Amino acid sequence: MTHELGDILTHIEKLSELDTTGVEPMAQVLFDAGETATLRDDIERPSLSNADALANAAVSGNGYYKVPKVIER
């Protein structure tokens, strides 16, 4: 991970070399864009039933997904 972090920091250093004169700072990346906005309306709708949610599970039981044990105690 040290090598990957180093690559990220090198990239950040390259970005800091960019001339941003005349570029207005943004307080946030989401903004009122009318029809081009990327967020959908928050509309309440029915959720999946338990049976529908588990329909494609490889293994399920008692209303839950069953997964292999990965932590030994």
Protein backbone atom coordinates (compact mmCIF):
# COMPACT_ATOMS: atom_id res chain seq x y z
CA MET A 1 0.00 0.00 0.00
CA THR A 2 2.94 2.32 0.53
CA HIS A 3 3.73 2.27 -3.19
CA GLU A 4 0.07 2.94 -4.10
CA LEU A 5 -0.17 5.83 -1.63
CA GLY A 6 3.03 7.27 -3.08
CA ASP A 7 1.50 7.13 -6.57
CA ILE A 8 -1.60 8.93 -5.31
CA LEU A 9 0.46 11.67 -3.67
CA THR A 10 2.54 12.08 -6.85
CA HIS A 11 -0.69 12.53 -8.81
CA ILE A 12 -1.92 15.13 -6.30
CA GLU A 13 1.36 17.02 -6.70
CA LYS A 14 0.85 17.08 -10.47
CA LEU A 15 -2.68 18.43 -9.99
CA SER A 16 -1.38 21.24 -7.78
CA GLU A 17 0.77 22.42 -10.72
CA LEU A 18 -2.35 23.25 -12.76
CA ASP A 19 -3.13 26.92 -13.33
CA THR A 20 -6.54 27.48 -11.79
CA THR A 21 -6.54 31.26 -12.20
CA GLY A 22 -10.07 32.37 -12.98
CA VAL A 23 -11.63 29.10 -11.85
CA GLU A 24 -14.26 29.79 -9.21
CA PRO A 25 -13.93 27.51 -6.15
CA MET A 26 -16.81 25.14 -5.52
CA ALA A 27 -18.30 24.62 -2.07
CA GLN A 28 -19.77 21.31 -3.20
CA VAL A 29 -19.97 19.23 -6.34
CA LEU A 30 -23.75 18.92 -6.30
CA PHE A 31 -25.55 21.98 -7.54
CA ASP A 32 -28.95 22.98 -8.86
CA ALA A 33 -28.79 21.90 -12.49
CA GLY A 34 -32.47 21.61 -13.35
CA GLU A 35 -33.09 18.81 -15.84
CA THR A 36 -29.43 17.78 -15.87
CA ALA A 37 -29.25 17.15 -12.12
CA THR A 38 -27.90 13.71 -11.23
CA LEU A 39 -30.07 13.12 -8.18
CA ARG A 40 -33.54 11.60 -8.39
CA ASP A 41 -36.51 12.70 -6.35
CA ASP A 42 -36.81 10.94 -3.00
CA ILE A 43 -40.08 9.13 -3.56
CA GLU A 44 -41.34 6.49 -1.13
CA ARG A 45 -42.07 3.16 -2.76
CA PRO A 46 -42.53 -0.42 -1.58
CA SER A 47 -39.35 -2.31 -0.75
CA LEU A 48 -38.54 -5.86 -1.81
CA SER A 49 -40.17 -8.66 0.07
CA ASN A 50 -37.85 -10.98 1.97
CA ALA A 51 -38.54 -13.76 -0.55
CA ASP A 52 -37.70 -11.49 -3.51
CA ALA A 53 -34.50 -10.29 -1.84
CA LEU A 54 -33.35 -13.87 -1.26
CA ALA A 55 -34.53 -15.21 -4.64
CA ASN A 56 -31.02 -15.24 -6.18
CA ALA A 57 -29.07 -16.16 -3.05
CA ALA A 58 -26.75 -19.13 -3.49
CA VAL A 59 -27.73 -20.38 -0.02
CA SER A 60 -30.36 -18.98 2.34
CA GLY A 61 -32.26 -20.08 5.39
CA ASN A 62 -34.58 -18.67 8.05
CA GLY A 63 -34.97 -15.50 5.97
CA TYR A 64 -31.24 -14.71 5.77
CA TYR A 65 -28.35 -15.11 3.35
CA LYS A 66 -25.99 -17.88 4.39
CA VAL A 67 -22.29 -17.32 3.76
CA PRO A 68 -19.18 -19.38 4.52
CA LYS A 69 -17.54 -18.76 7.88
CA VAL A 70 -14.41 -16.64 7.40
CA ILE A 71 -13.45 -15.76 10.98
CA GLU A 72 -12.28 -18.40 13.41
CA ARG A 73 -12.86 -17.83 17.12
